[in-house]
Amino acid sequence: MWSLLGANAPRDDKDKFKKHMDDRLDVGCLMLATMIPELQKQHEDMVAYEMIQNLKEIYEGQARQERYETSKALFQCKMSEGSPVGAHVMKMMGYIQTL
């Protein structure tokens, strides 16, 4: 079996694992560095994957609500009689870009 893996296989596995752990730590530190202090305190004991999952839980509902409100405003947008078309188009384009 050693001939198939090569003499350095166990060492290679250790090196790969160490690199993975170092990369994991680097990503976690980078994520923490970009957060506001309140979020840093909340996530300081988590690894990157756990931070991502937690942030999704926190902000996913808020984003869904914002999309709903913007969609509702877009669908209810009606041009007032006598108002300029350009302003109406710009308003609708703003809603679409927000979505």
C-alpha atoms as a PDB file:
ATOM      1  CA  MET A   1       0.000   0.000   0.000  1.00  0.00           C
ATOM      2  CA  TRP A   2       2.859   2.388   0.769  1.00  0.00           C
ATOM      3  CA  SER A   3       4.074   1.992  -2.777  1.00  0.00           C
ATOM      4  CA  LEU A   4       0.733   3.279  -4.130  1.00  0.00           C
ATOM      5  CA  LEU A   5       0.627   6.327  -1.866  1.00  0.00           C
ATOM      6  CA  GLY A   6       4.303   7.065  -1.895  1.00  0.00           C
ATOM      7  CA  ALA A   7       6.615   7.355   1.076  1.00  0.00           C
ATOM      8  CA  ASN A   8       5.543  10.938   1.858  1.00  0.00           C
ATOM      9  CA  ALA A   9       1.772  10.346   1.845  1.00  0.00           C
ATOM     10  CA  PRO A  10       1.211  10.766   5.610  1.00  0.00           C
ATOM     11  CA  ARG A  11       3.310  13.944   5.620  1.00  0.00           C
ATOM     12  CA  ASP A  12       1.464  15.286   2.567  1.00  0.00           C
ATOM     13  CA  ASP A  13      -1.852  14.714   4.336  1.00  0.00           C
ATOM     14  CA  LYS A  14      -0.614  16.578   7.407  1.00  0.00           C
ATOM     15  CA  ASP A  15       0.607  19.477   5.256  1.00  0.00           C
ATOM     16  CA  LYS A  16      -2.724  19.663   3.418  1.00  0.00           C
ATOM     17  CA  PHE A  17      -4.649  19.584   6.687  1.00  0.00           C
ATOM     18  CA  LYS A  18      -2.437  22.311   8.191  1.00  0.00           C
ATOM     19  CA  LYS A  19      -2.937  24.481   5.096  1.00  0.00           C
ATOM     20  CA  HIS A  20      -6.697  23.950   5.295  1.00  0.00           C
ATOM     21  CA  MET A  21      -6.754  24.961   8.963  1.00  0.00           C
ATOM     22  CA  ASP A  22      -4.569  28.019   8.291  1.00  0.00           C
ATOM     23  CA  ASP A  23      -6.814  29.083   5.398  1.00  0.00           C
ATOM     24  CA  ARG A  24      -9.896  28.577   7.568  1.00  0.00           C
ATOM     25  CA  LEU A  25      -8.421  30.803  10.253  1.00  0.00           C
ATOM     26  CA  ASP A  26      -7.422  33.481   7.707  1.00  0.00           C
ATOM     27  CA  VAL A  27     -10.932  33.615   6.228  1.00  0.00           C
ATOM     28  CA  GLY A  28     -12.514  33.822   9.678  1.00  0.00           C
ATOM     29  CA  CYS A  29     -10.207  36.671  10.688  1.00  0.00           C
ATOM     30  CA  LEU A  30     -10.900  38.530   7.450  1.00  0.00           C
ATOM     31  CA  MET A  31     -14.641  38.169   7.952  1.00  0.00           C
ATOM     32  CA  LEU A  32     -14.406  39.442  11.519  1.00  0.00           C
ATOM     33  CA  ALA A  33     -12.267  42.392  10.420  1.00  0.00           C
ATOM     34  CA  THR A  34     -14.979  43.560   8.026  1.00  0.00           C
ATOM     35  CA  MET A  35     -17.802  43.420  10.594  1.00  0.00           C
ATOM     36  CA  ILE A  36     -19.106  46.145  12.850  1.00  0.00           C
ATOM     37  CA  PRO A  37     -18.038  45.726  16.507  1.00  0.00           C
ATOM     38  CA  GLU A  38     -21.405  44.302  17.623  1.00  0.00           C
ATOM     39  CA  LEU A  39     -21.258  41.547  15.010  1.00  0.00           C
ATOM     40  CA  GLN A  40     -17.588  40.881  15.799  1.00  0.00           C
ATOM     41  CA  LYS A  41     -18.439  40.156  19.427  1.00  0.00           C
ATOM     42  CA  GLN A  42     -21.291  37.897  18.396  1.00  0.00           C
ATOM     43  CA  HIS A  43     -19.148  35.879  15.952  1.00  0.00           C
ATOM     44  CA  GLU A  44     -15.684  35.891  17.544  1.00  0.00           C
ATOM     45  CA  ASP A  45     -15.905  32.247  18.675  1.00  0.00           C
ATOM     46  CA  MET A  46     -17.186  30.914  15.340  1.00  0.00           C
ATOM     47  CA  VAL A  47     -15.425  29.577  12.269  1.00  0.00           C
ATOM     48  CA  ALA A  48     -16.173  31.088   8.846  1.00  0.00           C
ATOM     49  CA  TYR A  49     -18.885  28.570   7.911  1.00  0.00           C
ATOM     50  CA  GLU A  50     -20.739  29.135  11.182  1.00  0.00           C
ATOM     51  CA  MET A  51     -20.484  32.915  10.695  1.00  0.00           C
ATOM     52  CA  ILE A  52     -22.007  32.655   7.218  1.00  0.00           C
ATOM     53  CA  GLN A  53     -24.872  30.488   8.466  1.00  0.00           C
ATOM     54  CA  ASN A  54     -25.580  32.859  11.352  1.00  0.00           C
ATOM     55  CA  LEU A  55     -25.469  35.957   9.132  1.00  0.00           C
ATOM     56  CA  LYS A  56     -27.897  34.305   6.719  1.00  0.00           C
ATOM     57  CA  GLU A  57     -30.315  33.666   9.573  1.00  0.00           C
ATOM     58  CA  ILE A  58     -30.031  37.272  10.744  1.00  0.00           C
ATOM     59  CA  TYR A  59     -30.374  39.059   7.401  1.00  0.00           C
ATOM     60  CA  GLU A  60     -32.294  36.706   5.105  1.00  0.00           C
ATOM     61  CA  GLY A  61     -35.689  37.656   6.538  1.00  0.00           C
ATOM     62  CA  GLN A  62     -34.884  41.357   6.331  1.00  0.00           C
ATOM     63  CA  ALA A  63     -33.853  41.060   2.674  1.00  0.00           C
ATOM     64  CA  ARG A  64     -37.018  39.137   1.850  1.00  0.00           C
ATOM     65  CA  GLN A  65     -39.151  41.863   3.460  1.00  0.00           C
ATOM     66  CA  GLU A  66     -37.318  44.602   1.538  1.00  0.00           C
ATOM     67  CA  ARG A  67     -37.844  42.750  -1.764  1.00  0.00           C
ATOM     68  CA  TYR A  68     -41.533  42.377  -0.959  1.00  0.00           C
ATOM     69  CA  GLU A  69     -41.935  46.085  -0.170  1.00  0.00           C
ATOM     70  CA  THR A  70     -40.081  47.124  -3.329  1.00  0.00           C
ATOM     71  CA  SER A  71     -42.094  44.717  -5.502  1.00  0.00           C
ATOM     72  CA  LYS A  72     -45.310  45.995  -3.982  1.00  0.00           C
ATOM     73  CA  ALA A  73     -44.330  49.622  -4.706  1.00  0.00           C
ATOM     74  CA  LEU A  74     -43.362  48.731  -8.296  1.00  0.00           C
ATOM     75  CA  PHE A  75     -46.611  46.894  -9.013  1.00  0.00           C
ATOM     76  CA  GLN A  76     -48.691  49.708  -7.516  1.00  0.00           C
ATOM     77  CA  CYS A  77     -46.789  52.402  -9.405  1.00  0.00           C
ATOM     78  CA  LYS A  78     -49.157  54.365 -11.600  1.00  0.00           C
ATOM     79  CA  MET A  79     -48.439  57.421 -13.633  1.00  0.00           C
ATOM     80  CA  SER A  80     -50.430  60.493 -12.650  1.00  0.00           C
ATOM     81  CA  GLU A  81     -52.342  62.180 -15.416  1.00  0.00           C
ATOM     82  CA  GLY A  82     -50.413  65.103 -16.823  1.00  0.00           C
ATOM     83  CA  SER A  83     -47.128  64.146 -15.151  1.00  0.00           C
ATOM     84  CA  PRO A  84     -43.960  63.700 -17.246  1.00  0.00           C
ATOM     85  CA  VAL A  85     -43.273  60.208 -18.566  1.00  0.00           C
ATOM     86  CA  GLY A  86     -39.540  60.500 -17.899  1.00  0.00           C
ATOM     87  CA  ALA A  87     -39.990  60.913 -14.146  1.00  0.00           C
ATOM     88  CA  HIS A  88     -42.323  57.904 -14.029  1.00  0.00           C
ATOM     89  CA  VAL A  89     -39.878  55.754 -16.015  1.00  0.00           C
ATOM     90  CA  MET A  90     -36.986  56.786 -13.748  1.00  0.00           C
ATOM     91  CA  LYS A  91     -39.034  55.908 -10.663  1.00  0.00           C
ATOM     92  CA  MET A  92     -39.864  52.448 -12.053  1.00  0.00           C
ATOM     93  CA  MET A  93     -36.247  51.869 -13.110  1.00  0.00           C
ATOM     94  CA  GLY A  94     -35.184  52.692  -9.555  1.00  0.00           C
ATOM     95  CA  TYR A  95     -37.526  50.024  -8.180  1.00  0.00           C
ATOM     96  CA  ILE A  96     -36.263  47.489 -10.700  1.00  0.00           C
ATOM     97  CA  GLN A  97     -32.613  48.222  -9.887  1.00  0.00           C
ATOM     98  CA  THR A  98     -33.372  47.867  -6.185  1.00  0.00           C
ATOM     99  CA  LEU A  99     -34.869  44.452  -6.807  1.00  0.00           C
END
